[in-house]
C-alpha cells in the first residue's frame, strides 16, 4: 500500500507538492532551470522536481512498469513537486512534457 500525499493520481503513485529549496546530492538539472532529485525508501521512492524556470513546467517520470511514464504533472515556478511510487518499479529518468 502506498501512502497518498497531496493529490493521488493513480492507484500506485501520488503527486507531492511543496516549495523549492536547495538541491540535494544526486540531483540532476534539466532544461537549465529544473532540478530533479530521486529518493528511495524501503517501500516507496519519490522523484522530486524543483522548478526554478520562469514559468510553470510539466514533467513526466519514466519508469519500468505500467502506469508511469505517460502522465504529466505540472510544477509552478518556484515550487517543488514530486511523483511517489513503489520501489518495485525501476526509475529511469524525468523529462519535460
PDB file of N, CA and C in Angstrom:
ATOM      1  N   UNK A   1       0.842  -1.177   0.000  1.00  0.00           N
ATOM      2  CA  UNK A   1       0.000   0.000   0.000  1.00  0.00           C
ATOM      3  C   UNK A   1       0.885   1.239   0.000  1.00  0.00           C
ATOM      4  N   UNK A   2       0.575   2.183  -0.857  1.00  0.00           N
ATOM      5  CA  UNK A   2       1.335   3.416  -0.980  1.00  0.00           C
ATOM      6  C   UNK A   2       0.570   4.528  -0.281  1.00  0.00           C
ATOM      7  N   UNK A   3       1.255   5.291   0.555  1.00  0.00           N
ATOM      8  CA  UNK A   3       0.590   6.416   1.211  1.00  0.00           C
ATOM      9  C   UNK A   3       0.345   7.523   0.200  1.00  0.00           C
ATOM     10  N   UNK A   4      -0.703   8.272   0.402  1.00  0.00           N
ATOM     11  CA  UNK A   4      -1.055   9.345  -0.518  1.00  0.00           C
ATOM     12  C   UNK A   4      -0.586  10.671   0.062  1.00  0.00           C
ATOM     13  N   UNK A   5       0.067  11.472  -0.755  1.00  0.00           N
ATOM     14  CA  UNK A   5       0.486  12.808  -0.361  1.00  0.00           C
ATOM     15  C   UNK A   5      -0.098  13.764  -1.388  1.00  0.00           C
ATOM     16  N   UNK A   6      -0.761  14.790  -0.956  1.00  0.00           N
ATOM     17  CA  UNK A   6      -1.402  15.780  -1.815  1.00  0.00           C
ATOM     18  C   UNK A   6      -2.458  15.093  -2.674  1.00  0.00           C
ATOM     19  N   UNK A   7      -2.350  15.187  -3.990  1.00  0.00           N
ATOM     20  CA  UNK A   7      -3.364  14.666  -4.893  1.00  0.00           C
ATOM     21  C   UNK A   7      -2.939  13.311  -5.419  1.00  0.00           C
ATOM     22  N   UNK A   8      -3.737  12.296  -5.229  1.00  0.00           N
ATOM     23  CA  UNK A   8      -3.431  10.961  -5.735  1.00  0.00           C
ATOM     24  C   UNK A   8      -3.787  10.904  -7.212  1.00  0.00           C
ATOM     25  N   UNK A   9      -2.859  10.438  -8.050  1.00  0.00           N
ATOM     26  CA  UNK A   9      -3.084  10.394  -9.485  1.00  0.00           C
ATOM     27  C   UNK A   9      -3.412   8.999  -9.992  1.00  0.00           C
ATOM     28  N   UNK A  10      -2.869   7.962  -9.391  1.00  0.00           N
ATOM     29  CA  UNK A  10      -3.175   6.593  -9.799  1.00  0.00           C
ATOM     30  C   UNK A  10      -3.264   5.739  -8.554  1.00  0.00           C
ATOM     31  N   UNK A  11      -3.570   4.489  -8.745  1.00  0.00           N
ATOM     32  CA  UNK A  11      -3.667   3.578  -7.606  1.00  0.00           C
ATOM     33  C   UNK A  11      -2.304   3.264  -7.014  1.00  0.00           C
ATOM     34  N   UNK A  12      -1.233   3.519  -7.764  1.00  0.00           N
ATOM     35  CA  UNK A  12       0.092   3.146  -7.281  1.00  0.00           C
ATOM     36  C   UNK A  12       1.053   4.316  -7.184  1.00  0.00           C
ATOM     37  N   UNK A  13       0.596   5.530  -7.406  1.00  0.00           N
ATOM     38  CA  UNK A  13       1.505   6.675  -7.369  1.00  0.00           C
ATOM     39  C   UNK A  13       0.783   7.878  -6.788  1.00  0.00           C
ATOM     40  N   UNK A  14       1.558   8.856  -6.342  1.00  0.00           N
ATOM     41  CA  UNK A  14       0.971  10.062  -5.764  1.00  0.00           C
ATOM     42  C   UNK A  14       1.808  11.271  -6.126  1.00  0.00           C
ATOM     43  N   UNK A  15       1.162  12.404  -6.252  1.00  0.00           N
ATOM     44  CA  UNK A  15       1.834  13.666  -6.519  1.00  0.00           C
ATOM     45  C   UNK A  15       2.216  14.300  -5.198  1.00  0.00           C
ATOM     46  N   UNK A  16       3.427  14.863  -5.132  1.00  0.00           N
ATOM     47  CA  UNK A  16       3.929  15.501  -3.919  1.00  0.00           C
ATOM     48  C   UNK A  16       4.226  16.955  -4.251  1.00  0.00           C
ATOM     49  N   UNK A  17       3.726  17.907  -3.447  1.00  0.00           N
ATOM     50  CA  UNK A  17       3.927  19.329  -3.717  1.00  0.00           C
ATOM     51  C   UNK A  17       4.582  20.027  -2.538  1.00  0.00           C
ATOM     52  N   UNK A  18       5.308  21.117  -2.810  1.00  0.00           N
ATOM     53  CA  UNK A  18       5.951  21.896  -1.765  1.00  0.00           C
ATOM     54  C   UNK A  18       6.671  23.090  -2.357  1.00  0.00           C
ATOM     55  N   UNK A  19       7.496  23.756  -1.567  1.00  0.00           N
ATOM     56  CA  UNK A  19       8.258  24.915  -2.011  1.00  0.00           C
ATOM     57  C   UNK A  19       9.669  24.506  -2.387  1.00  0.00           C
ATOM     58  N   UNK A  20      10.196  25.080  -3.468  1.00  0.00           N
ATOM     59  CA  UNK A  20      11.551  24.760  -3.921  1.00  0.00           C
ATOM     60  C   UNK A  20      12.566  25.172  -2.870  1.00  0.00           C
ATOM     61  N   UNK A  21      13.601  24.348  -2.690  1.00  0.00           N
ATOM     62  CA  UNK A  21      14.663  24.629  -1.727  1.00  0.00           C
ATOM     63  C   UNK A  21      16.009  24.332  -2.350  1.00  0.00           C
ATOM     64  N   UNK A  22      17.010  24.071  -1.543  1.00  0.00           N
ATOM     65  CA  UNK A  22      18.348  23.777  -2.047  1.00  0.00           C
ATOM     66  C   UNK A  22      18.388  22.388  -2.676  1.00  0.00           C
ATOM     67  N   UNK A  23      19.182  22.244  -3.733  1.00  0.00           N
ATOM     68  CA  UNK A  23      19.325  20.955  -4.412  1.00  0.00           C
ATOM     69  C   UNK A  23      20.105  19.983  -3.534  1.00  0.00           C
ATOM     70  N   UNK A  24      19.725  18.725  -3.582  1.00  0.00           N
ATOM     71  CA  UNK A  24      20.385  17.686  -2.787  1.00  0.00           C
ATOM     72  C   UNK A  24      21.431  16.955  -3.625  1.00  0.00           C
ATOM     73  N   UNK A  25      22.292  16.204  -2.951  1.00  0.00           N
ATOM     74  CA  UNK A  25      23.288  15.396  -3.654  1.00  0.00           C
ATOM     75  C   UNK A  25      22.566  14.389  -4.529  1.00  0.00           C
ATOM     76  N   UNK A  26      23.111  14.084  -5.697  1.00  0.00           N
ATOM     77  CA  UNK A  26      22.480  13.147  -6.612  1.00  0.00           C
ATOM     78  C   UNK A  26      21.455  13.813  -7.507  1.00  0.00           C
ATOM     79  N   UNK A  27      21.331  15.129  -7.419  1.00  0.00           N
ATOM     80  CA  UNK A  27      20.376  15.866  -8.235  1.00  0.00           C
ATOM     81  C   UNK A  27      20.917  16.076  -9.640  1.00  0.00           C
ATOM     82  N   UNK A  28      19.987  16.213 -10.594  1.00  0.00           N
ATOM     83  CA  UNK A  28      20.330  16.463 -11.990  1.00  0.00           C
ATOM     84  C   UNK A  28      19.514  17.662 -12.451  1.00  0.00           C
ATOM     85  N   UNK A  29      20.143  18.580 -13.194  1.00  0.00           N
ATOM     86  CA  UNK A  29      19.434  19.733 -13.733  1.00  0.00           C
ATOM     87  C   UNK A  29      18.989  19.427 -15.155  1.00  0.00           C
ATOM     88  N   UNK A  30      17.715  19.709 -15.454  1.00  0.00           N
ATOM     89  CA  UNK A  30      17.228  19.546 -16.821  1.00  0.00           C
ATOM     90  C   UNK A  30      16.709  20.889 -17.317  1.00  0.00           C
ATOM     91  N   UNK A  31      16.944  21.170 -18.576  1.00  0.00           N
ATOM     92  CA  UNK A  31      16.481  22.414 -19.168  1.00  0.00           C
ATOM     93  C   UNK A  31      17.143  23.648 -18.599  1.00  0.00           C
ATOM     94  N   UNK A  32      18.201  23.482 -17.806  1.00  0.00           N
ATOM     95  CA  UNK A  32      18.912  24.610 -17.232  1.00  0.00           C
ATOM     96  C   UNK A  32      18.193  25.304 -16.087  1.00  0.00           C
ATOM     97  N   UNK A  33      16.984  24.839 -15.737  1.00  0.00           N
ATOM     98  CA  UNK A  33      16.243  25.558 -14.700  1.00  0.00           C
ATOM     99  C   UNK A  33      15.400  24.666 -13.793  1.00  0.00           C
ATOM    100  N   UNK A  34      15.456  23.368 -13.974  1.00  0.00           N
ATOM    101  CA  UNK A  34      14.688  22.453 -13.117  1.00  0.00           C
ATOM    102  C   UNK A  34      15.636  21.411 -12.540  1.00  0.00           C
ATOM    103  N   UNK A  35      15.548  21.181 -11.232  1.00  0.00           N
ATOM    104  CA  UNK A  35      16.428  20.231 -10.552  1.00  0.00           C
ATOM    105  C   UNK A  35      15.617  18.986 -10.192  1.00  0.00           C
ATOM    106  N   UNK A  36      16.094  17.825 -10.648  1.00  0.00           N
ATOM    107  CA  UNK A  36      15.428  16.546 -10.395  1.00  0.00           C
ATOM    108  C   UNK A  36      16.230  15.778  -9.354  1.00  0.00           C
ATOM    109  N   UNK A  37      15.571  15.344  -8.278  1.00  0.00           N
ATOM    110  CA  UNK A  37      16.225  14.595  -7.207  1.00  0.00           C
ATOM    111  C   UNK A  37      15.434  13.323  -6.907  1.00  0.00           C
ATOM    112  N   UNK A  38      15.957  12.159  -7.292  1.00  0.00           N
ATOM    113  CA  UNK A  38      15.277  10.912  -6.928  1.00  0.00           C
ATOM    114  C   UNK A  38      15.678  10.460  -5.524  1.00  0.00           C
ATOM    115  N   UNK A  39      14.717   9.959  -4.758  1.00  0.00           N
ATOM    116  CA  UNK A  39      14.987   9.394  -3.437  1.00  0.00           C
ATOM    117  C   UNK A  39      14.371   8.004  -3.398  1.00  0.00           C
ATOM    118  N   UNK A  40      14.896   7.142  -2.534  1.00  0.00           N
ATOM    119  CA  UNK A  40      14.376   5.777  -2.472  1.00  0.00           C
ATOM    120  C   UNK A  40      14.313   5.308  -1.034  1.00  0.00           C
ATOM    121  N   UNK A  41      13.152   4.797  -0.645  1.00  0.00           N
ATOM    122  CA  UNK A  41      12.962   4.216   0.679  1.00  0.00           C
ATOM    123  C   UNK A  41      12.797   2.714   0.557  1.00  0.00           C
ATOM    124  N   UNK A  42      12.345   2.081   1.629  1.00  0.00           N
ATOM    125  CA  UNK A  42      12.154   0.629   1.616  1.00  0.00           C
ATOM    126  C   UNK A  42      10.971   0.218   0.758  1.00  0.00           C
ATOM    127  N   UNK A  43       9.889   0.991   0.805  1.00  0.00           N
ATOM    128  CA  UNK A  43       8.658   0.604   0.117  1.00  0.00           C
ATOM    129  C   UNK A  43       8.341   1.521  -1.058  1.00  0.00           C
ATOM    130  N   UNK A  44       8.629   2.813  -0.900  1.00  0.00           N
ATOM    131  CA  UNK A  44       8.330   3.769  -1.966  1.00  0.00           C
ATOM    132  C   UNK A  44       9.574   4.568  -2.337  1.00  0.00           C
ATOM    133  N   UNK A  45       9.502   5.175  -3.508  1.00  0.00           N
ATOM    134  CA  UNK A  45      10.535   6.104  -3.953  1.00  0.00           C
ATOM    135  C   UNK A  45       9.822   7.343  -4.480  1.00  0.00           C
ATOM    136  N   UNK A  46      10.493   8.475  -4.400  1.00  0.00           N
ATOM    137  CA  UNK A  46       9.913   9.727  -4.864  1.00  0.00           C
ATOM    138  C   UNK A  46      10.930  10.443  -5.730  1.00  0.00           C
ATOM    139  N   UNK A  47      10.464  10.969  -6.853  1.00  0.00           N
ATOM    140  CA  UNK A  47      11.286  11.803  -7.714  1.00  0.00           C
ATOM    141  C   UNK A  47      10.770  13.226  -7.534  1.00  0.00           C
ATOM    142  N   UNK A  48      11.614  14.097  -6.958  1.00  0.00           N
ATOM    143  CA  UNK A  48      11.246  15.490  -6.727  1.00  0.00           C
ATOM    144  C   UNK A  48      11.761  16.357  -7.867  1.00  0.00           C
ATOM    145  N   UNK A  49      10.958  17.363  -8.259  1.00  0.00           N
ATOM    146  CA  UNK A  49      11.363  18.348  -9.255  1.00  0.00           C
ATOM    147  C   UNK A  49      11.211  19.718  -8.623  1.00  0.00           C
ATOM    148  N   UNK A  50      12.309  20.479  -8.588  1.00  0.00           N
ATOM    149  CA  UNK A  50      12.279  21.859  -8.110  1.00  0.00           C
ATOM    150  C   UNK A  50      12.334  22.751  -9.340  1.00  0.00           C
ATOM    151  N   UNK A  51      11.296  23.553  -9.544  1.00  0.00           N
ATOM    152  CA  UNK A  51      11.155  24.363 -10.747  1.00  0.00           C
ATOM    153  C   UNK A  51      11.678  25.775 -10.506  1.00  0.00           C
ATOM    154  N   UNK A  52      12.840  26.073 -11.064  1.00  0.00           N
ATOM    155  CA  UNK A  52      13.427  27.410 -10.999  1.00  0.00           C
ATOM    156  C   UNK A  52      13.235  28.151 -12.318  1.00  0.00           C
ATOM    157  N   UNK A  53      12.461  27.571 -13.236  1.00  0.00           N
ATOM    158  CA  UNK A  53      12.179  28.197 -14.526  1.00  0.00           C
ATOM    159  C   UNK A  53      11.287  29.423 -14.297  1.00  0.00           C
ATOM    160  N   UNK A  54      11.214  30.290 -15.266  1.00  0.00           N
ATOM    161  CA  UNK A  54      10.406  31.499 -15.145  1.00  0.00           C
ATOM    162  C   UNK A  54       8.914  31.264 -15.303  1.00  0.00           C
ATOM    163  N   UNK A  55       8.517  30.037 -15.602  1.00  0.00           N
ATOM    164  CA  UNK A  55       7.099  29.711 -15.802  1.00  0.00           C
ATOM    165  C   UNK A  55       6.819  28.311 -15.273  1.00  0.00           C
ATOM    166  N   UNK A  56       5.538  27.986 -15.143  1.00  0.00           N
ATOM    167  CA  UNK A  56       5.154  26.629 -14.757  1.00  0.00           C
ATOM    168  C   UNK A  56       5.655  25.655 -15.824  1.00  0.00           C
ATOM    169  N   UNK A  57       6.089  24.466 -15.406  1.00  0.00           N
ATOM    170  CA  UNK A  57       6.580  23.447 -16.349  1.00  0.00           C
ATOM    171  C   UNK A  57       5.934  22.112 -16.011  1.00  0.00           C
ATOM    172  N   UNK A  58       5.735  21.304 -17.040  1.00  0.00           N
ATOM    173  CA  UNK A  58       5.167  19.967 -16.859  1.00  0.00           C
ATOM    174  C   UNK A  58       6.251  18.921 -17.037  1.00  0.00           C
ATOM    175  N   UNK A  59       6.196  17.882 -16.203  1.00  0.00           N
ATOM    176  CA  UNK A  59       7.208  16.837 -16.188  1.00  0.00           C
ATOM    177  C   UNK A  59       6.552  15.471 -16.250  1.00  0.00           C
ATOM    178  N   UNK A  60       7.325  14.498 -16.713  1.00  0.00           N
ATOM    179  CA  UNK A  60       6.889  13.106 -16.764  1.00  0.00           C
ATOM    180  C   UNK A  60       8.012  12.259 -16.193  1.00  0.00           C
ATOM    181  N   UNK A  61       7.678  11.348 -15.267  1.00  0.00           N
ATOM    182  CA  UNK A  61       8.645  10.411 -14.697  1.00  0.00           C
ATOM    183  C   UNK A  61       8.585   9.125 -15.515  1.00  0.00           C
ATOM    184  N   UNK A  62       9.726   8.695 -16.040  1.00  0.00           N
ATOM    185  CA  UNK A  62       9.798   7.472 -16.834  1.00  0.00           C
ATOM    186  C   UNK A  62      10.307   6.352 -15.939  1.00  0.00           C
ATOM    187  N   UNK A  63       9.546   5.271 -15.893  1.00  0.00           N
ATOM    188  CA  UNK A  63       9.873   4.147 -15.026  1.00  0.00           C
ATOM    189  C   UNK A  63       9.484   2.851 -15.713  1.00  0.00           C
ATOM    190  N   UNK A  64      10.113   1.761 -15.313  1.00  0.00           N
ATOM    191  CA  UNK A  64       9.749   0.441 -15.815  1.00  0.00           C
ATOM    192  C   UNK A  64       8.477   0.016 -15.104  1.00  0.00           C
ATOM    193  N   UNK A  65       7.497  -0.404 -15.844  1.00  0.00           N
ATOM    194  CA  UNK A  65       6.239  -0.851 -15.249  1.00  0.00           C
ATOM    195  C   UNK A  65       5.078  -0.035 -15.770  1.00  0.00           C
ATOM    196  N   UNK A  66       3.874  -0.572 -15.630  1.00  0.00           N
ATOM    197  CA  UNK A  66       2.690   0.140 -16.125  1.00  0.00           C
ATOM    198  C   UNK A  66       2.366   1.375 -15.294  1.00  0.00           C
ATOM    199  N   UNK A  67       1.627   2.286 -15.885  1.00  0.00           N
ATOM    200  CA  UNK A  67       1.069   3.480 -15.255  1.00  0.00           C
ATOM    201  C   UNK A  67       2.084   4.566 -14.930  1.00  0.00           C
ATOM    202  N   UNK A  68       3.325   4.417 -15.283  1.00  0.00           N
ATOM    203  CA  UNK A  68       4.280   5.512 -15.115  1.00  0.00           C
ATOM    204  C   UNK A  68       4.888   5.826 -16.473  1.00  0.00           C
ATOM    205  N   UNK A  69       5.155   7.076 -16.723  1.00  0.00           N
ATOM    206  CA  UNK A  69       5.795   7.478 -17.959  1.00  0.00           C
ATOM    207  C   UNK A  69       4.851   8.079 -18.973  1.00  0.00           C
ATOM    208  N   UNK A  70       3.546   8.078 -18.689  1.00  0.00           N
ATOM    209  CA  UNK A  70       2.642   8.664 -19.664  1.00  0.00           C
ATOM    210  C   UNK A  70       1.852   9.837 -19.106  1.00  0.00           C
ATOM    211  N   UNK A  71       1.825  10.023 -17.812  1.00  0.00           N
ATOM    212  CA  UNK A  71       1.117  11.153 -17.208  1.00  0.00           C
ATOM    213  C   UNK A  71       2.097  12.281 -16.904  1.00  0.00           C
ATOM    214  N   UNK A  72       1.652  13.500 -17.168  1.00  0.00           N
ATOM    215  CA  UNK A  72       2.474  14.668 -16.849  1.00  0.00           C
ATOM    216  C   UNK A  72       1.934  15.320 -15.583  1.00  0.00           C
ATOM    217  N   UNK A  73       2.833  15.895 -14.799  1.00  0.00           N
ATOM    218  CA  UNK A  73       2.405  16.713 -13.670  1.00  0.00           C
ATOM    219  C   UNK A  73       3.080  18.062 -13.805  1.00  0.00           C
ATOM    220  N   UNK A  74       2.385  19.113 -13.377  1.00  0.00           N
ATOM    221  CA  UNK A  74       2.879  20.478 -13.523  1.00  0.00           C
ATOM    222  C   UNK A  74       3.374  20.992 -12.182  1.00  0.00           C
ATOM    223  N   UNK A  75       4.551  21.625 -12.223  1.00  0.00           N
ATOM    224  CA  UNK A  75       5.127  22.256 -11.037  1.00  0.00           C
ATOM    225  C   UNK A  75       5.217  23.750 -11.333  1.00  0.00           C
ATOM    226  N   UNK A  76       4.618  24.558 -10.481  1.00  0.00           N
ATOM    227  CA  UNK A  76       4.632  26.007 -10.659  1.00  0.00           C
ATOM    228  C   UNK A  76       6.047  26.549 -10.480  1.00  0.00           C
ATOM    229  N   UNK A  77       6.317  27.681 -11.095  1.00  0.00           N
ATOM    230  CA  UNK A  77       7.615  28.335 -10.965  1.00  0.00           C
ATOM    231  C   UNK A  77       7.902  28.615  -9.491  1.00  0.00           C
ATOM    232  N   UNK A  78       9.104  28.252  -9.028  1.00  0.00           N
ATOM    233  CA  UNK A  78       9.490  28.467  -7.639  1.00  0.00           C
ATOM    234  C   UNK A  78       8.958  27.419  -6.675  1.00  0.00           C
ATOM    235  N   UNK A  79       8.346  26.370  -7.188  1.00  0.00           N
ATOM    236  CA  UNK A  79       7.754  25.330  -6.346  1.00  0.00           C
ATOM    237  C   UNK A  79       8.461  23.992  -6.535  1.00  0.00           C
ATOM    238  N   UNK A  80       8.155  23.059  -5.642  1.00  0.00           N
ATOM    239  CA  UNK A  80       8.713  21.706  -5.685  1.00  0.00           C
ATOM    240  C   UNK A  80       7.556  20.720  -5.795  1.00  0.00           C
ATOM    241  N   UNK A  81       7.686  19.773  -6.693  1.00  0.00           N
ATOM    242  CA  UNK A  81       6.667  18.738  -6.850  1.00  0.00           C
ATOM    243  C   UNK A  81       7.357  17.398  -6.954  1.00  0.00           C
ATOM    244  N   UNK A  82       6.619  16.339  -6.825  1.00  0.00           N
ATOM    245  CA  UNK A  82       7.232  15.025  -6.912  1.00  0.00           C
ATOM    246  C   UNK A  82       6.237  13.945  -7.246  1.00  0.00           C
ATOM    247  N   UNK A  83       6.750  12.815  -7.648  1.00  0.00           N
ATOM    248  CA  UNK A  83       5.956  11.656  -8.011  1.00  0.00           C
ATOM    249  C   UNK A  83       6.409  10.507  -7.136  1.00  0.00           C
ATOM    250  N   UNK A  84       5.500   9.972  -6.321  1.00  0.00           N
ATOM    251  CA  UNK A  84       5.826   8.880  -5.401  1.00  0.00           C
ATOM    252  C   UNK A  84       5.251   7.587  -5.958  1.00  0.00           C
ATOM    253  N   UNK A  85       6.070   6.523  -5.967  1.00  0.00           N
ATOM    254  CA  UNK A  85       5.623   5.240  -6.499  1.00  0.00           C
ATOM    255  C   UNK A  85       6.394   4.110  -5.829  1.00  0.00           C
ATOM    256  N   UNK A  86       5.936   2.857  -5.965  1.00  0.00           N
ATOM    257  CA  UNK A  86       6.581   1.725  -5.291  1.00  0.00           C
ATOM    258  C   UNK A  86       8.016   1.495  -5.768  1.00  0.00           C
ATOM    259  N   UNK A  87       8.858   1.011  -4.881  1.00  0.00           N
ATOM    260  CA  UNK A  87      10.246   0.710  -5.259  1.00  0.00           C
ATOM    261  C   UNK A  87      10.319  -0.469  -6.215  1.00  0.00           C
ATOM    262  N   UNK A  88       9.240  -1.216  -6.375  1.00  0.00           N
ATOM    263  CA  UNK A  88       9.238  -2.345  -7.308  1.00  0.00           C
ATOM    264  C   UNK A  88       9.308  -1.889  -8.764  1.00  0.00           C
ATOM    265  N   UNK A  89       9.009  -0.626  -9.035  1.00  0.00           N
ATOM    266  CA  UNK A  89       9.111  -0.071 -10.386  1.00  0.00           C
ATOM    267  C   UNK A  89      10.432   0.685 -10.497  1.00  0.00           C
ATOM    268  N   UNK A  90      11.281   0.289 -11.413  1.00  0.00           N
ATOM    269  CA  UNK A  90      12.607   0.895 -11.552  1.00  0.00           C
ATOM    270  C   UNK A  90      12.505   2.281 -12.191  1.00  0.00           C
ATOM    271  N   UNK A  91      13.025   3.300 -11.492  1.00  0.00           N
ATOM    272  CA  UNK A  91      13.060   4.670 -12.019  1.00  0.00           C
ATOM    273  C   UNK A  91      14.126   4.767 -13.104  1.00  0.00           C
ATOM    274  N   UNK A  92      13.782   5.378 -14.236  1.00  0.00           N
ATOM    275  CA  UNK A  92      14.737   5.558 -15.325  1.00  0.00           C
ATOM    276  C   UNK A  92      15.176   7.012 -15.466  1.00  0.00           C
ATOM    277  N   UNK A  93      14.230   7.947 -15.712  1.00  0.00           N
ATOM    278  CA  UNK A  93      14.584   9.355 -15.856  1.00  0.00           C
ATOM    279  C   UNK A  93      13.329  10.217 -15.747  1.00  0.00           C
ATOM    280  N   UNK A  94      13.544  11.554 -15.736  1.00  0.00           N
ATOM    281  CA  UNK A  94      12.459  12.535 -15.736  1.00  0.00           C
ATOM    282  C   UNK A  94      12.677  13.456 -16.920  1.00  0.00           C
ATOM    283  N   UNK A  95      11.586  13.833 -17.590  1.00  0.00           N
ATOM    284  CA  UNK A  95      11.694  14.699 -18.767  1.00  0.00           C
ATOM    285  C   UNK A  95      10.554  15.707 -18.776  1.00  0.00           C
ATOM    286  N   UNK A  96      10.733  16.800 -19.552  1.00  0.00           N
ATOM    287  CA  UNK A  96       9.652  17.758 -19.751  1.00  0.00           C
ATOM    288  C   UNK A  96       8.579  17.119 -20.627  1.00  0.00           C
ATOM    289  N   UNK A  97       7.327  17.501 -20.431  1.00  0.00           N
ATOM    290  CA  UNK A  97       6.218  17.020 -21.280  1.00  0.00           C
ATOM    291  C   UNK A  97       5.940  18.055 -22.354  1.00  0.00           C
TER     292      UNK A  97
END
